[in-house]
């Protein structure tokens, strides 16, 4: 059977050729999210990339969806994909980019660089006072996968004691002092001792509004929350309340709920919120795109050959 593989990922032409070589009996259509047609989608057996979920209603014979993202929650909603479709994500592609972005923003807040930037714009030479840092702090990483592990590596290398929370734990993990399973984690103990709380978990029914008013109350008033996972993991209104009341020192957010964040949303101007518009991942970093191509091509080869794929997220 001649499979149709549709890729909408902005990979290099040489990577498209590698995909063709990996699946010589298949037809590969290299398109973009804007140029791919419903007719192509209706004939696609395999799709490589993230199309708007609504567009996947055109798929009639899709058997494998290889996402270019680590997140997958929008694609596993009932009715989005044909029954039996296997979904794999791009875990392993984003750890470096996301962890470097989160670390840069964290240090900018701790070292008051945003304050000095404002002073520079005003031509004001002034000492902003004491600053914080990573050395000697306690950090909690919620979601100890690729991104969380890369963040733990960097934090521990700079002198932090890092603990983690993971869906399942099979043994000790490098760069973590301890790792707890999600369902049995001592949340109050971990949150109350953490100076830095990093979220790098996927959005699921279990993690939606995981960080709510109750958990925000467990955190230190001087703690910094860093969310590079999904916006829906944090209760936005509860976060705004915590920042405004001083119960939380700062929140560094590359993801928000909702997205895009409306122009008049209170989160834009609330004290202690530092926002970037979900750009830490994507194709902004060349190494990320290279890794997406590697993961996707190998997984599509495996699927076409009848072999198990890596990073399968659906069906579980």
Protein backbone atom coordinates (compact mmCIF):
# COMPACT_ATOMS: atom_id res chain seq x y z
CA UNK A 1 0.00 0.00 0.00
CA UNK A 2 1.36 3.39 -0.99
CA UNK A 3 1.16 5.56 2.12
CA UNK A 4 0.77 9.32 1.97
CA UNK A 5 2.91 11.16 4.50
CA UNK A 6 2.09 14.84 4.90
CA UNK A 7 4.64 16.98 6.71
CA UNK A 8 3.80 20.53 7.75
CA UNK A 9 6.93 21.04 9.85
CA UNK A 10 9.35 23.73 8.57
CA UNK A 11 12.25 21.28 8.24
CA UNK A 12 15.05 21.58 5.71
CA UNK A 13 14.77 20.10 2.22
CA UNK A 14 17.53 17.67 3.12
CA UNK A 15 15.36 16.41 5.99
CA UNK A 16 12.41 15.96 3.61
CA UNK A 17 14.69 13.84 1.43
CA UNK A 18 15.78 11.83 4.48
CA UNK A 19 12.12 11.19 5.24
CA UNK A 20 11.58 9.93 1.69
CA UNK A 21 14.60 7.65 2.00
CA UNK A 22 13.35 6.35 5.36
CA UNK A 23 9.99 5.43 3.79
CA UNK A 24 10.79 4.63 0.13
CA UNK A 25 7.41 3.08 -0.63
CA UNK A 26 5.50 6.16 0.59
CA UNK A 27 4.64 9.44 -1.05
CA UNK A 28 5.82 12.44 0.96
CA UNK A 29 4.03 15.78 0.56
CA UNK A 30 5.98 18.66 2.10
CA UNK A 31 3.53 21.46 2.82
CA UNK A 32 2.88 24.10 5.46
CA UNK A 33 -0.12 24.53 7.73
CA UNK A 34 -1.31 27.22 5.30
CA UNK A 35 -0.79 25.35 2.02
CA UNK A 36 -1.91 21.82 2.90
CA UNK A 37 -5.36 21.08 1.47
CA UNK A 38 -8.29 19.22 2.94
CA UNK A 39 -8.03 16.81 0.00
CA UNK A 40 -4.45 15.94 1.01
CA UNK A 41 -5.50 15.51 4.62
CA UNK A 42 -8.34 13.21 3.61
CA UNK A 43 -5.80 10.87 1.97
CA UNK A 44 -3.04 11.18 4.58
CA UNK A 45 -2.01 8.05 6.47
CA UNK A 46 0.66 9.89 8.47
CA UNK A 47 0.92 13.56 9.43
CA UNK A 48 4.11 15.11 10.76
CA UNK A 49 3.43 18.40 12.52
CA UNK A 50 0.85 20.39 14.44
CA UNK A 51 -2.18 21.45 12.46
CA UNK A 52 -5.07 23.26 14.16
CA UNK A 53 -7.17 20.42 15.62
CA UNK A 54 -10.23 21.62 13.72
CA UNK A 55 -8.48 20.91 10.42
CA UNK A 56 -8.04 17.27 11.34
CA UNK A 57 -11.75 16.70 10.80
CA UNK A 58 -10.79 16.31 7.13
CA UNK A 59 -8.69 13.24 7.95
CA UNK A 60 -10.45 10.04 6.94
CA UNK A 61 -7.67 7.45 7.06
CA UNK A 62 -5.09 8.92 9.41
CA UNK A 63 -3.24 6.25 11.36
CA UNK A 64 -0.28 8.10 12.89
CA UNK A 65 0.18 11.70 14.02
CA UNK A 66 3.73 12.74 14.86
CA UNK A 67 3.53 16.06 16.64
CA UNK A 68 6.30 18.65 16.54
CA UNK A 69 5.44 19.74 20.09
CA UNK A 70 5.90 18.21 23.49
CA UNK A 71 2.34 19.17 24.45
CA UNK A 72 -0.47 17.07 23.01
CA UNK A 73 -3.61 17.85 25.03
CA UNK A 74 -5.47 19.54 22.12
CA UNK A 75 -5.14 16.42 19.96
CA UNK A 76 -6.43 13.77 22.34
CA UNK A 77 -9.86 15.35 22.86
CA UNK A 78 -12.55 12.89 21.75
CA UNK A 79 -13.60 13.46 18.15
CA UNK A 80 -10.48 15.30 16.97
CA UNK A 81 -8.75 12.26 15.43
CA UNK A 82 -10.07 9.14 13.68
CA UNK A 83 -10.47 6.21 16.05
CA UNK A 84 -7.29 4.22 16.50
CA UNK A 85 -4.91 7.00 15.50
CA UNK A 86 -1.57 6.72 17.29
CA UNK A 87 -0.13 10.02 18.52
CA UNK A 88 3.51 10.64 19.42
CA UNK A 89 5.02 13.89 20.64
CA UNK A 90 8.47 15.46 20.27
CA UNK A 91 9.74 14.93 23.80
CA UNK A 92 13.50 15.30 23.68
CA UNK A 93 13.51 18.24 21.28
CA UNK A 94 12.75 21.10 23.66
CA UNK A 95 14.76 20.52 26.83
CA UNK A 96 17.67 22.79 25.94
CA UNK A 97 15.61 25.68 24.53
CA UNK A 98 12.99 25.70 27.30
CA UNK A 99 15.44 25.32 30.16
CA UNK A 100 17.73 28.07 28.85
CA UNK A 101 14.76 30.40 28.40
CA UNK A 102 13.40 29.70 31.89
CA UNK A 103 16.84 30.05 33.45
CA UNK A 104 17.47 33.36 31.67
CA UNK A 105 14.14 34.80 32.82
CA UNK A 106 14.66 33.49 36.36
CA UNK A 107 18.06 35.15 36.66
CA UNK A 108 16.72 38.38 35.18
CA UNK A 109 14.11 38.52 37.94
CA UNK A 110 16.46 37.46 40.72
CA UNK A 111 19.15 39.97 39.69
CA UNK A 112 16.62 42.79 39.16
CA UNK A 113 17.64 43.20 35.52
CA UNK A 114 14.12 44.28 34.59
CA UNK A 115 14.39 47.08 37.15
CA UNK A 116 17.75 48.20 35.82
CA UNK A 117 16.36 48.16 32.28
CA UNK A 118 13.63 50.56 33.38
CA UNK A 119 16.26 52.76 35.04
CA UNK A 120 18.33 52.75 31.85
CA UNK A 121 15.37 53.99 29.80
CA UNK A 122 15.03 56.88 32.26
CA UNK A 123 18.77 57.62 32.27
CA UNK A 124 18.80 56.91 35.98
CA UNK A 125 22.05 55.67 37.59
CA UNK A 126 20.83 54.05 40.80
CA UNK A 127 21.67 51.09 43.02
CA UNK A 128 18.62 48.82 43.18
CA UNK A 129 19.67 47.09 46.39
CA UNK A 130 20.00 43.43 47.32
CA UNK A 131 19.40 40.70 44.78
CA UNK A 132 18.75 36.98 44.89
CA UNK A 133 20.33 34.09 43.05
CA UNK A 134 20.23 30.37 42.41
CA UNK A 135 23.15 29.34 44.61
CA UNK A 136 21.96 27.84 47.90
CA UNK A 137 18.28 27.75 46.93
CA UNK A 138 15.82 24.85 46.99
CA UNK A 139 14.01 24.20 43.73
CA UNK A 140 11.04 22.00 42.91
CA UNK A 141 10.56 20.84 39.30
CA UNK A 142 7.04 19.63 38.52
CA UNK A 143 7.37 17.42 35.46
CA UNK A 144 10.76 15.72 35.52
CA UNK A 145 10.85 14.72 31.86
CA UNK A 146 13.28 16.04 29.26
CA UNK A 147 12.59 19.73 29.90
CA UNK A 148 12.46 19.33 33.67
CA UNK A 149 15.66 17.29 33.72
CA UNK A 150 17.48 19.88 31.61
CA UNK A 151 16.30 22.55 34.03
CA UNK A 152 17.44 20.48 37.01
CA UNK A 153 20.86 20.04 35.39
CA UNK A 154 21.30 23.81 35.11
CA UNK A 155 19.92 24.65 38.54
CA UNK A 156 21.97 22.01 40.31
CA UNK A 157 25.11 23.07 38.45
CA UNK A 158 24.58 26.58 39.83
CA UNK A 159 24.28 25.38 43.40
CA UNK A 160 20.57 24.68 43.95
CA UNK A 161 19.20 21.59 45.65
CA UNK A 162 16.59 20.25 43.24
CA UNK A 163 13.68 17.94 43.94
CA UNK A 164 11.28 16.70 41.29
CA UNK A 165 7.81 15.33 40.72
CA UNK A 166 7.15 12.85 37.92
CA UNK A 167 4.20 10.71 36.84
CA UNK A 168 6.16 7.50 37.47
CA UNK A 169 9.58 7.04 39.03
CA UNK A 170 11.67 3.97 38.28
CA UNK A 171 14.83 4.92 40.17
CA UNK A 172 17.26 7.74 41.00
CA UNK A 173 17.55 10.50 38.43
CA UNK A 174 20.66 12.59 37.76
CA UNK A 175 20.59 16.24 38.89
CA UNK A 176 17.74 15.62 41.36
CA UNK A 177 18.26 15.15 45.09
CA UNK A 178 14.90 13.33 45.21
CA UNK A 179 12.07 12.59 42.78
CA UNK A 180 8.51 11.82 43.92
CA UNK A 181 5.64 10.23 42.05
CA UNK A 182 2.84 12.63 41.19
CA UNK A 183 0.03 10.89 43.04
CA UNK A 184 1.95 10.29 46.27
CA UNK A 185 4.07 13.46 46.42
CA UNK A 186 4.10 15.35 49.75
CA UNK A 187 2.92 18.56 48.08
CA UNK A 188 2.70 20.74 51.17
CA UNK A 189 6.21 19.84 52.31
CA UNK A 190 7.75 20.30 48.87
CA UNK A 191 6.02 23.59 48.05
CA UNK A 192 6.60 25.12 51.46
CA UNK A 193 10.37 24.59 51.28
CA UNK A 194 10.91 25.61 47.65
CA UNK A 195 12.40 28.97 46.70
CA UNK A 196 11.85 28.22 43.02
CA UNK A 197 8.97 26.16 41.59
CA UNK A 198 9.34 25.17 37.93
CA UNK A 199 6.45 23.71 35.93
CA UNK A 200 7.41 21.63 32.91
CA UNK A 201 4.55 19.12 32.93
CA UNK A 202 1.96 18.42 30.21
CA UNK A 203 -1.64 19.53 30.62
CA UNK A 204 -3.90 16.61 31.52
CA UNK A 205 -7.07 16.22 33.55
CA UNK A 206 -4.83 15.56 36.55
CA UNK A 207 -2.67 18.65 36.07
CA UNK A 208 -5.34 21.18 35.07
CA UNK A 209 -5.32 23.91 37.75
CA UNK A 210 -2.84 21.83 39.72
CA UNK A 211 -1.40 25.07 41.07
CA UNK A 212 -4.54 26.54 42.57
CA UNK A 213 -5.27 28.84 45.49
CA UNK A 214 -4.58 26.09 48.02
CA UNK A 215 -1.16 25.22 46.61
CA UNK A 216 -0.20 28.87 46.15
CA UNK A 217 -0.89 29.33 49.86
CA UNK A 218 1.57 26.51 50.57
CA UNK A 219 4.41 28.38 48.84
CA UNK A 220 6.81 30.83 50.47
CA UNK A 221 5.96 34.52 50.03
CA UNK A 222 9.45 35.01 48.56
CA UNK A 223 9.13 32.07 46.14
CA UNK A 224 9.27 32.42 42.36
CA UNK A 225 6.97 30.36 40.13
CA UNK A 226 8.26 29.53 36.63
CA UNK A 227 5.79 28.03 34.14
CA UNK A 228 7.18 26.64 30.89
CA UNK A 229 4.66 23.79 30.69
CA UNK A 230 1.06 24.72 29.94
CA UNK A 231 -0.94 27.75 31.07
CA UNK A 232 -3.89 25.66 32.25
CA UNK A 233 -1.78 24.00 34.93
CA UNK A 234 -2.02 27.25 36.92
CA UNK A 235 -5.27 28.85 38.05
CA UNK A 236 -4.70 32.29 36.53
CA UNK A 237 -7.05 34.22 38.78
CA UNK A 238 -5.62 32.60 41.91
CA UNK A 239 -2.12 33.45 40.66
CA UNK A 240 -3.07 37.09 40.09
CA UNK A 241 -4.52 37.27 43.59
CA UNK A 242 -1.36 35.74 45.10
CA UNK A 243 0.90 38.19 43.27
CA UNK A 244 -1.22 41.24 44.09
CA UNK A 245 -1.41 40.35 47.79
CA UNK A 246 2.33 39.63 48.07
CA UNK A 247 1.82 35.96 48.91
CA UNK A 248 4.12 35.14 45.98
CA UNK A 249 7.19 37.12 44.94
CA UNK A 250 7.07 36.59 41.18
CA UNK A 251 5.74 34.46 38.36
CA UNK A 252 7.71 33.88 35.16
CA UNK A 253 5.31 32.71 32.48
CA UNK A 254 5.96 31.62 28.91
CA UNK A 255 2.49 30.09 28.89
CA UNK A 256 -0.80 31.52 30.14
CA UNK A 257 -4.45 30.62 30.44
CA UNK A 258 -6.04 31.84 28.23
CA UNK A 259 -3.77 32.07 25.19
CA UNK A 260 -3.33 34.47 23.53
CA UNK A 261 -3.68 36.56 26.67
CA UNK A 262 -6.30 39.28 26.01
CA UNK A 263 -4.92 42.81 25.97
CA UNK A 264 -7.07 43.89 28.92
CA UNK A 265 -6.31 40.84 31.10
CA UNK A 266 -5.19 41.72 34.63
CA UNK A 267 -2.19 39.37 34.37
CA UNK A 268 -0.42 41.81 32.02
CA UNK A 269 -0.09 44.46 34.71
CA UNK A 270 -0.20 42.52 37.97
CA UNK A 271 2.77 43.07 40.26
CA UNK A 272 5.51 40.44 39.84
CA UNK A 273 4.30 38.83 36.60
CA UNK A 274 6.86 38.47 33.78
CA UNK A 275 5.35 37.19 30.54
CA UNK A 276 6.62 35.96 27.18
CA UNK A 277 4.07 34.87 24.54
CA UNK A 278 4.70 31.10 24.40
CA UNK A 279 7.90 31.47 22.38
CA UNK A 280 10.44 29.53 24.46
CA UNK A 281 9.86 26.45 22.29
CA UNK A 282 8.66 26.32 18.72
CA UNK A 283 11.24 26.76 15.97
CA UNK A 284 12.99 29.76 17.46
CA UNK A 285 16.13 27.75 18.30
CA UNK A 286 17.90 25.88 15.49
CA UNK A 287 18.86 22.92 17.68
CA UNK A 288 15.19 22.38 18.54
CA UNK A 289 14.20 22.13 14.86
CA UNK A 290 17.05 19.71 14.21
CA UNK A 291 15.89 17.48 17.05
CA UNK A 292 12.25 17.62 15.92
CA UNK A 293 13.35 16.40 12.50
CA UNK A 294 15.42 13.57 13.99
CA UNK A 295 12.60 12.38 16.25
CA UNK A 296 9.92 12.67 13.57
CA UNK A 297 11.80 10.97 10.75
CA UNK A 298 12.83 8.03 12.93
CA UNK A 299 9.34 7.60 14.36
CA UNK A 300 7.69 7.71 10.95
CA UNK A 301 10.20 5.13 9.70
CA UNK A 302 9.35 2.91 12.65
CA UNK A 303 5.61 3.26 12.16
CA UNK A 304 5.83 2.52 8.42
CA UNK A 305 7.95 -0.54 9.19
CA UNK A 306 5.46 -1.81 11.76
CA UNK A 307 7.80 -1.16 14.69
CA UNK A 308 6.83 0.46 18.02
CA UNK A 309 7.25 4.23 18.01
CA UNK A 310 8.90 6.27 20.74
CA UNK A 311 7.16 9.07 22.64
CA UNK A 312 3.71 7.58 22.15
CA UNK A 313 1.19 9.62 24.15
CA UNK A 314 -2.05 8.27 22.70
CA UNK A 315 -3.56 5.76 23.13
CA UNK A 316 -1.96 5.41 26.53
